[in-house]
Amino acid sequence: MAAAAPATKTAVAVPRMKLGSQGLEVSALGLGCMGMSAYYGPPKPEPDMVALIHHAVAAGVTLLDTSDVYGPHTNELLLGKALQGGVRDKVQLATKFGILAGGDGAREIRGDPAYVRAACEGSLRRLGVDCIDLYYQHRVDVGVPIEATMGELKKLVEEGKIKYIGLSEASASTIRRAHAVHPITAVQLEWSLWSRDVEEDIIPTCRELGIGIVAYSPLGRGFFSSGPKLVDTLSDQDFRKDLPRFQAENLEKNTMVFEHVSAMAAKKGCSASQLALAWVHHQGNDVCPIPGTTKVENFNQNVAALSVKLTPEEMAELESYASADIAGDRYHDFLNTWKDSETPPMSSWKAE
C-alpha cells in the first residue's frame, strides 16, 4: 500500500498562546527569518521574502524573529519593509543583539550597557518601528555581569523602546540572575529531536520562573526535512556545510535517526518534517517553535504540522529513535555558549 501523501493544506488555524507570564501573546508557530538574508546561502530575492512574510501573517503567524547580526543588518531592513502598510500592527516583532560580525569573519560578544543601548537604537531604525516587542540578548557576554546587561534592558523597557526582554542560549544560573533584575519573558534555545540537552536544566528553570520557551531550528536546520541529501544541495556560502553534524563522519549515524522518523511519518500520513515539528509542539503550551523557511510551500507544510497529533506512546517512540547519541556538536565552540554562560558578579565589575 502506498504511503499517504504529506499534508500541505493551510486551512489549519494557527492558535494563539501566552508566551511567558508577563502578558505577551503570540501565535503558537512563529517564523524564523534568518535564512532569508544570511547564513543559509546567498540572500533570497527581497520581493519574494516580503511576499512570504505577508503570506505567513495572513495565515495567522504573528511572531517574526530576526537579529541585528543576520546579514549583518540586512534581515532587519527586510523586515522593516515587510512591516509597512499596516502589517506592523498585526505582529509581535522579536530581534536580538549581542553578536558582532566583523568583515573578516571574526565575531565578538558584547553585553555592556552602552552597547545594549546603541544596538537597540540601531535595530529600531532599521526596522522602522518605535518599539520592539521582544528583545533578546542573542548570546551572553561572559565578561559582563548579567545584572549590568539587564539593568540597561530594564531602562529600555521603562523608556518604551522595548516591551519584553528575552535571553538566547543562556544557562540556568544566568536566567535566574537575569530574571531577578527584570522578568524574562522568553528564552530562545535550540530544541528538536536531535537537540535535547536543554531538557535537563534550562527547560525546568524556565517553567519554574514562568518564562516562555521559543524553540529555534526545530527541524534540525532542515535535516528533518530532507535528511542527508540536504548536504548535497547546500551552497558554499551555507554555514551548515561546516557544522559538525553535517560532516561525513557524523552524517551516516544521524541519517539512521532521519530514516526512523521518515518511516513513522509515512505511517501517520505526514512528512518527516511535520512529524519532527509536531514533536516540538507537543512539548507544552509554553513552547513556540520558530522554523525558518524561504518557500511558501514549506511554510504551508509547517502550518499543517499543527494538525499532526501524537499519543504519549508515539512521543516515546520518536524519542527512542533520537535517544542514541547524536553524532557531532550543534555548533563549533564559539556559539555553544549556554553551557558556559556564567558571568562575573556585579560586585567585581566596573563599567568603562
Protein backbone atom coordinates (compact mmCIF):
# COMPACT_ATOMS: atom_id res chain seq x y z
CA MET A 1 0.00 0.00 0.00
CA ALA A 2 1.33 3.44 -0.91
CA ALA A 3 2.02 5.84 1.93
CA ALA A 4 -0.43 8.67 2.35
CA ALA A 5 0.66 11.97 0.82
CA PRO A 6 2.02 14.52 3.29
CA ALA A 7 -0.46 17.14 4.41
CA THR A 8 0.09 20.52 2.71
CA LYS A 9 -3.12 22.42 3.42
CA THR A 10 -3.01 25.76 5.16
CA ALA A 11 -6.55 25.54 6.50
CA VAL A 12 -5.25 24.74 9.98
CA ALA A 13 -5.96 27.70 12.22
CA VAL A 14 -2.81 28.87 13.96
CA PRO A 15 -3.79 29.13 17.63
CA ARG A 16 -2.60 31.85 19.98
CA MET A 17 -0.59 31.27 23.12
CA LYS A 18 0.71 33.15 26.11
CA LEU A 19 4.47 33.42 25.86
CA GLY A 20 5.72 33.67 29.40
CA SER A 21 3.82 35.19 32.29
CA GLN A 22 4.33 38.88 31.52
CA GLY A 23 1.39 39.30 29.14
CA LEU A 24 2.89 38.67 25.69
CA GLU A 25 0.56 36.76 23.38
CA VAL A 26 1.81 35.30 20.09
CA SER A 27 0.90 32.70 17.50
CA ALA A 28 1.75 29.15 18.55
CA LEU A 29 4.01 28.93 15.49
CA GLY A 30 6.47 31.70 14.70
CA LEU A 31 8.56 32.45 11.64
CA GLY A 32 12.35 32.49 11.81
CA CYS A 33 13.58 34.95 9.19
CA MET A 34 17.36 34.47 9.32
CA GLY A 35 17.71 32.26 6.25
CA MET A 36 16.02 34.85 4.07
CA SER A 37 19.09 37.07 4.30
CA ALA A 38 22.05 35.23 5.78
CA TYR A 39 23.95 32.04 6.67
CA TYR A 40 21.84 29.65 4.58
CA GLY A 41 23.35 30.58 1.23
CA PRO A 42 23.03 33.82 -0.75
CA PRO A 43 20.30 36.30 0.25
CA LYS A 44 16.96 35.44 -1.31
CA PRO A 45 15.11 37.89 -3.59
CA GLU A 46 13.65 40.61 -1.40
CA PRO A 47 10.21 40.79 -3.09
CA ASP A 48 9.78 37.04 -2.66
CA MET A 49 10.69 37.20 1.03
CA VAL A 50 8.35 40.13 1.68
CA ALA A 51 5.59 38.15 -0.03
CA LEU A 52 6.41 35.11 2.14
CA ILE A 53 6.23 37.18 5.33
CA HIS A 54 2.89 38.63 4.25
CA HIS A 55 1.65 35.11 3.45
CA ALA A 56 2.66 33.96 6.93
CA VAL A 57 0.89 36.87 8.60
CA ALA A 58 -2.24 36.22 6.54
CA ALA A 59 -2.12 32.58 7.70
CA GLY A 60 -2.19 33.70 11.34
CA VAL A 61 1.50 33.67 12.24
CA THR A 62 2.31 36.75 14.31
CA LEU A 63 5.75 36.14 15.87
CA LEU A 64 8.50 37.24 13.47
CA ASP A 65 12.07 36.53 14.59
CA THR A 66 15.23 38.32 13.41
CA SER A 67 18.54 39.66 14.75
CA ASP A 68 20.91 42.51 14.01
CA VAL A 69 23.64 40.01 13.15
CA TYR A 70 21.63 38.41 10.34
CA GLY A 71 23.33 39.95 7.34
CA PRO A 72 24.51 41.75 9.41
CA HIS A 73 21.60 44.20 9.48
CA THR A 74 20.04 43.19 6.16
CA ASN A 75 17.42 40.92 7.69
CA GLU A 76 16.15 43.68 9.96
CA LEU A 77 15.97 46.00 6.95
CA LEU A 78 13.97 43.34 5.09
CA LEU A 79 11.51 43.02 7.94
CA GLY A 80 11.23 46.79 8.12
CA LYS A 81 9.97 46.79 4.53
CA ALA A 82 7.64 43.86 5.14
CA LEU A 83 6.08 45.61 8.15
CA GLN A 84 4.86 48.57 6.13
CA GLY A 85 1.26 49.04 5.06
CA GLY A 86 -0.33 48.13 8.37
CA VAL A 87 1.46 44.80 8.86
CA ARG A 88 3.28 46.09 11.96
CA ASP A 89 0.03 46.21 13.93
CA LYS A 90 -0.62 42.51 13.24
CA VAL A 91 2.63 41.04 14.52
CA GLN A 92 4.89 40.67 17.52
CA LEU A 93 8.39 41.60 16.44
CA ALA A 94 11.40 39.89 18.03
CA THR A 95 15.01 40.82 17.38
CA LYS A 96 18.34 40.28 19.13
CA PHE A 97 21.62 41.97 19.99
CA GLY A 98 25.00 40.86 21.27
CA ILE A 99 26.88 39.22 18.39
CA LEU A 100 29.10 41.49 16.32
CA ALA A 101 30.22 40.05 13.00
CA GLY A 102 33.44 41.51 11.62
CA GLY A 103 34.25 41.75 7.95
CA ASP A 104 37.00 39.16 8.35
CA GLY A 105 34.57 36.61 9.78
CA ALA A 106 35.64 37.29 13.36
CA ARG A 107 32.91 37.62 15.96
CA GLU A 108 32.61 39.34 19.28
CA ILE A 109 30.03 39.02 22.05
CA ARG A 110 29.05 42.23 23.83
CA GLY A 111 26.59 42.89 26.63
CA ASP A 112 27.89 46.10 28.19
CA PRO A 113 25.20 48.74 28.85
CA ALA A 114 26.46 51.26 26.29
CA TYR A 115 26.42 48.63 23.57
CA VAL A 116 22.97 47.36 24.58
CA ARG A 117 21.52 50.84 24.12
CA ALA A 118 23.35 51.51 20.85
CA ALA A 119 22.28 48.15 19.43
CA CYS A 120 18.64 48.77 20.34
CA GLU A 121 18.65 52.21 18.72
CA GLY A 122 20.15 50.69 15.57
CA SER A 123 17.53 47.95 15.39
CA LEU A 124 14.70 50.43 15.89
CA ARG A 125 15.97 52.48 12.94
CA ARG A 126 16.44 49.53 10.62
CA LEU A 127 13.07 48.01 11.47
CA GLY A 128 11.34 51.37 11.15
CA VAL A 129 9.48 50.98 14.45
CA ASP A 130 9.39 52.89 17.71
CA CYS A 131 9.19 49.80 19.92
CA ILE A 132 10.44 46.20 19.73
CA ASP A 133 8.02 43.66 21.20
CA LEU A 134 10.61 41.10 22.36
CA TYR A 135 14.30 41.99 22.61
CA TYR A 136 16.75 39.16 23.22
CA GLN A 137 20.36 39.08 24.27
CA HIS A 138 21.50 36.80 21.45
CA ARG A 139 24.50 35.38 23.28
CA VAL A 140 25.66 36.00 26.84
CA ASP A 141 28.75 38.15 27.30
CA VAL A 142 30.73 36.22 29.90
CA GLY A 143 32.83 39.29 30.63
CA VAL A 144 29.92 41.45 31.79
CA PRO A 145 27.66 40.69 34.77
CA ILE A 146 24.23 39.73 33.50
CA GLU A 147 22.84 42.22 36.04
CA ALA A 148 24.58 45.07 34.17
CA THR A 149 23.14 43.97 30.83
CA MET A 150 19.68 43.52 32.31
CA GLY A 151 19.84 46.89 34.04
CA GLU A 152 20.12 48.65 30.68
CA LEU A 153 17.41 46.47 29.15
CA LYS A 154 15.15 47.39 32.06
CA LYS A 155 15.75 51.08 31.28
CA LEU A 156 14.78 50.46 27.66
CA VAL A 157 11.52 48.88 28.83
CA GLU A 158 10.83 51.87 31.07
CA GLU A 159 11.50 54.21 28.13
CA GLY A 160 9.04 52.31 25.90
CA LYS A 161 11.65 51.21 23.38
CA ILE A 162 11.12 47.51 24.10
CA LYS A 163 8.15 45.73 25.65
CA TYR A 164 9.57 42.39 26.79
CA ILE A 165 13.05 41.02 27.47
CA GLY A 166 14.42 37.67 26.32
CA LEU A 167 17.62 35.66 26.53
CA SER A 168 19.03 33.28 23.94
CA GLU A 169 21.35 30.38 24.74
CA ALA A 170 21.69 31.20 28.44
CA SER A 171 22.47 28.83 31.33
CA ALA A 172 20.02 28.18 34.13
CA SER A 173 22.04 30.25 36.59
CA THR A 174 22.25 33.17 34.16
CA ILE A 175 18.50 33.01 33.57
CA ARG A 176 17.86 33.14 37.31
CA ARG A 177 20.18 36.10 37.85
CA ALA A 178 18.69 37.99 34.92
CA HIS A 179 15.12 37.28 36.00
CA ALA A 180 15.88 38.75 39.44
CA VAL A 181 16.67 42.12 37.84
CA HIS A 182 13.66 42.23 35.49
CA PRO A 183 11.24 39.48 34.47
CA ILE A 184 12.41 37.47 31.48
CA THR A 185 9.52 36.79 29.12
CA ALA A 186 11.13 34.19 26.85
CA VAL A 187 14.28 32.13 26.45
CA GLN A 188 15.19 31.16 22.92
CA LEU A 189 17.05 27.89 22.56
CA GLU A 190 17.68 25.11 20.10
CA TRP A 191 15.21 22.29 20.71
CA SER A 192 14.45 19.46 18.35
CA LEU A 193 14.58 15.70 18.13
CA TRP A 194 18.35 15.90 17.78
CA SER A 195 19.00 18.78 20.22
CA ARG A 196 17.59 17.86 23.62
CA ASP A 197 20.28 18.79 26.13
CA VAL A 198 18.24 21.80 27.26
CA GLU A 199 15.70 19.46 28.86
CA GLU A 200 17.85 18.75 31.91
CA ASP A 201 18.21 22.22 33.44
CA ILE A 202 17.12 25.01 31.10
CA ILE A 203 13.53 23.96 30.40
CA PRO A 204 12.72 23.21 34.08
CA THR A 205 14.20 26.58 35.11
CA CYS A 206 12.08 28.43 32.56
CA ARG A 207 8.94 26.65 33.72
CA GLU A 208 9.69 27.28 37.37
CA LEU A 209 10.04 31.01 36.69
CA GLY A 210 7.11 31.33 34.27
CA ILE A 211 9.32 32.04 31.26
CA GLY A 212 8.15 31.15 27.76
CA ILE A 213 10.24 28.89 25.53
CA VAL A 214 11.00 29.72 21.90
CA ALA A 215 12.48 26.77 20.03
CA TYR A 216 14.71 27.62 17.09
CA SER A 217 15.89 25.10 14.49
CA PRO A 218 13.06 22.69 15.45
CA LEU A 219 13.69 20.86 12.17
CA GLY A 220 17.40 20.37 12.82
CA ARG A 221 18.40 23.12 10.38
CA GLY A 222 16.49 21.35 7.63
CA PHE A 223 17.82 17.88 8.38
CA PHE A 224 14.37 16.56 9.28
CA SER A 225 13.00 17.97 6.04
CA SER A 226 15.48 16.44 3.61
CA GLY A 227 17.73 14.09 5.52
CA PRO A 228 21.34 13.55 4.38
CA LYS A 229 20.62 14.70 0.83
CA LEU A 230 20.30 18.20 2.24
CA VAL A 231 24.08 18.44 2.39
CA ASP A 232 24.36 17.95 -1.37
CA THR A 233 22.12 20.94 -2.02
CA LEU A 234 23.95 23.45 0.20
CA SER A 235 25.86 26.27 -1.45
CA ASP A 236 29.41 27.11 -0.48
CA GLN A 237 28.00 30.15 1.38
CA ASP A 238 25.79 28.00 3.59
CA PHE A 239 27.29 27.77 7.07
CA ARG A 240 25.65 24.40 7.69
CA LYS A 241 28.33 22.88 5.47
CA ASP A 242 30.80 23.47 8.28
CA LEU A 243 28.65 22.35 11.20
CA PRO A 244 29.82 19.15 12.92
CA ARG A 245 26.55 17.22 12.50
CA PHE A 246 26.65 17.63 8.73
CA GLN A 247 30.17 16.26 8.32
CA ALA A 248 30.59 12.91 6.59
CA GLU A 249 31.91 11.18 9.69
CA ASN A 250 28.73 12.08 11.59
CA LEU A 251 26.14 12.09 8.84
CA GLU A 252 25.83 8.33 8.48
CA LYS A 253 24.88 7.84 12.12
CA ASN A 254 22.49 10.79 12.10
CA THR A 255 20.86 9.50 8.93
CA MET A 256 19.58 6.49 10.86
CA VAL A 257 17.52 8.83 13.04
CA PHE A 258 16.05 10.51 9.96
CA GLU A 259 15.13 7.16 8.44
CA HIS A 260 13.26 6.08 11.58
CA VAL A 261 11.36 9.38 11.71
CA SER A 262 10.53 9.14 7.99
CA ALA A 263 9.16 5.63 8.38
CA MET A 264 6.94 6.68 11.27
CA ALA A 265 5.78 9.75 9.35
CA ALA A 266 4.75 7.60 6.39
CA LYS A 267 2.55 5.52 8.69
CA LYS A 268 0.89 8.66 10.02
CA GLY A 269 0.37 10.21 6.59
CA CYS A 270 2.58 13.23 7.13
CA SER A 271 6.09 14.26 6.21
CA ALA A 272 9.16 13.72 8.38
CA SER A 273 9.46 17.46 8.93
CA GLN A 274 5.84 17.69 10.06
CA LEU A 275 6.35 14.85 12.49
CA ALA A 276 9.51 16.43 13.91
CA LEU A 277 7.77 19.79 14.26
CA ALA A 278 4.70 18.18 15.84
CA TRP A 279 7.01 16.65 18.46
CA VAL A 280 8.13 20.15 19.47
CA HIS A 281 4.55 21.44 19.54
CA HIS A 282 3.64 18.59 21.89
CA GLN A 283 6.26 19.65 24.44
CA GLY A 284 3.78 22.01 26.06
CA ASN A 285 1.63 25.08 25.63
CA ASP A 286 4.53 27.26 26.76
CA VAL A 287 6.66 26.34 23.73
CA CYS A 288 6.63 28.29 20.45
CA PRO A 289 8.77 26.84 17.66
CA ILE A 290 10.06 29.26 15.01
CA PRO A 291 11.05 27.20 11.96
CA GLY A 292 12.59 29.25 9.21
CA THR A 293 11.89 28.89 5.52
CA THR A 294 12.24 30.78 2.28
CA LYS A 295 9.48 28.95 0.38
CA VAL A 296 5.72 29.31 0.70
CA GLU A 297 5.16 25.59 0.18
CA ASN A 298 7.48 24.73 3.07
CA PHE A 299 5.76 27.29 5.26
CA ASN A 300 2.40 25.69 4.45
CA GLN A 301 3.79 22.30 5.44
CA ASN A 302 4.93 23.74 8.76
CA VAL A 303 1.49 25.16 9.49
CA ALA A 304 -0.08 21.82 8.62
CA ALA A 305 2.10 20.19 11.28
CA LEU A 306 -0.24 21.77 13.84
CA SER A 307 -2.83 19.16 12.84
CA VAL A 308 -0.49 16.22 13.46
CA LYS A 309 -1.50 14.69 16.79
CA LEU A 310 0.79 12.40 18.75
CA THR A 311 -0.10 9.98 21.53
CA PRO A 312 2.22 9.58 24.53
CA GLU A 313 3.28 6.25 23.05
CA GLU A 314 4.16 7.89 19.73
CA MET A 315 6.11 10.62 21.52
CA ALA A 316 8.08 7.96 23.35
CA GLU A 317 8.72 6.09 20.12
CA LEU A 318 10.05 9.24 18.44
CA GLU A 319 12.29 9.98 21.38
CA SER A 320 13.66 6.44 21.35
CA TYR A 321 14.91 7.00 17.81
CA ALA A 322 16.80 10.10 18.86
CA SER A 323 17.84 8.83 22.28
CA ALA A 324 21.08 7.43 20.92
CA ASP A 325 23.90 9.95 20.99
CA ILE A 326 23.58 12.26 18.01
CA ALA A 327 26.94 12.44 16.24
CA GLY A 328 28.54 15.89 16.28
CA ASP A 329 28.03 19.09 18.27
CA ARG A 330 25.39 21.66 17.42
CA TYR A 331 27.95 24.36 16.64
CA HIS A 332 31.63 24.98 16.75
CA ASP A 333 32.79 26.13 20.16
CA PHE A 334 32.22 29.85 19.67
CA LEU A 335 28.44 29.70 19.57
CA ASN A 336 27.95 26.83 22.04
CA THR A 337 27.52 29.35 24.82
CA TRP A 338 24.76 28.32 27.17
CA LYS A 339 26.86 25.69 28.90
CA ASP A 340 29.47 28.25 29.96
CA SER A 341 27.46 31.46 30.15
CA GLU A 342 28.24 32.23 33.78
CA THR A 343 29.02 35.93 34.13
CA PRO A 344 31.06 37.77 36.79
CA PRO A 345 29.35 39.02 39.93
CA MET A 346 28.19 42.62 39.81
CA SER A 347 30.48 43.49 42.71
CA SER A 348 33.58 42.68 40.68
CA TRP A 349 32.72 44.69 37.59
CA LYS A 350 33.30 48.33 36.76
CA ALA A 351 31.84 49.88 33.65
CA GLU A 352 34.34 51.65 31.45
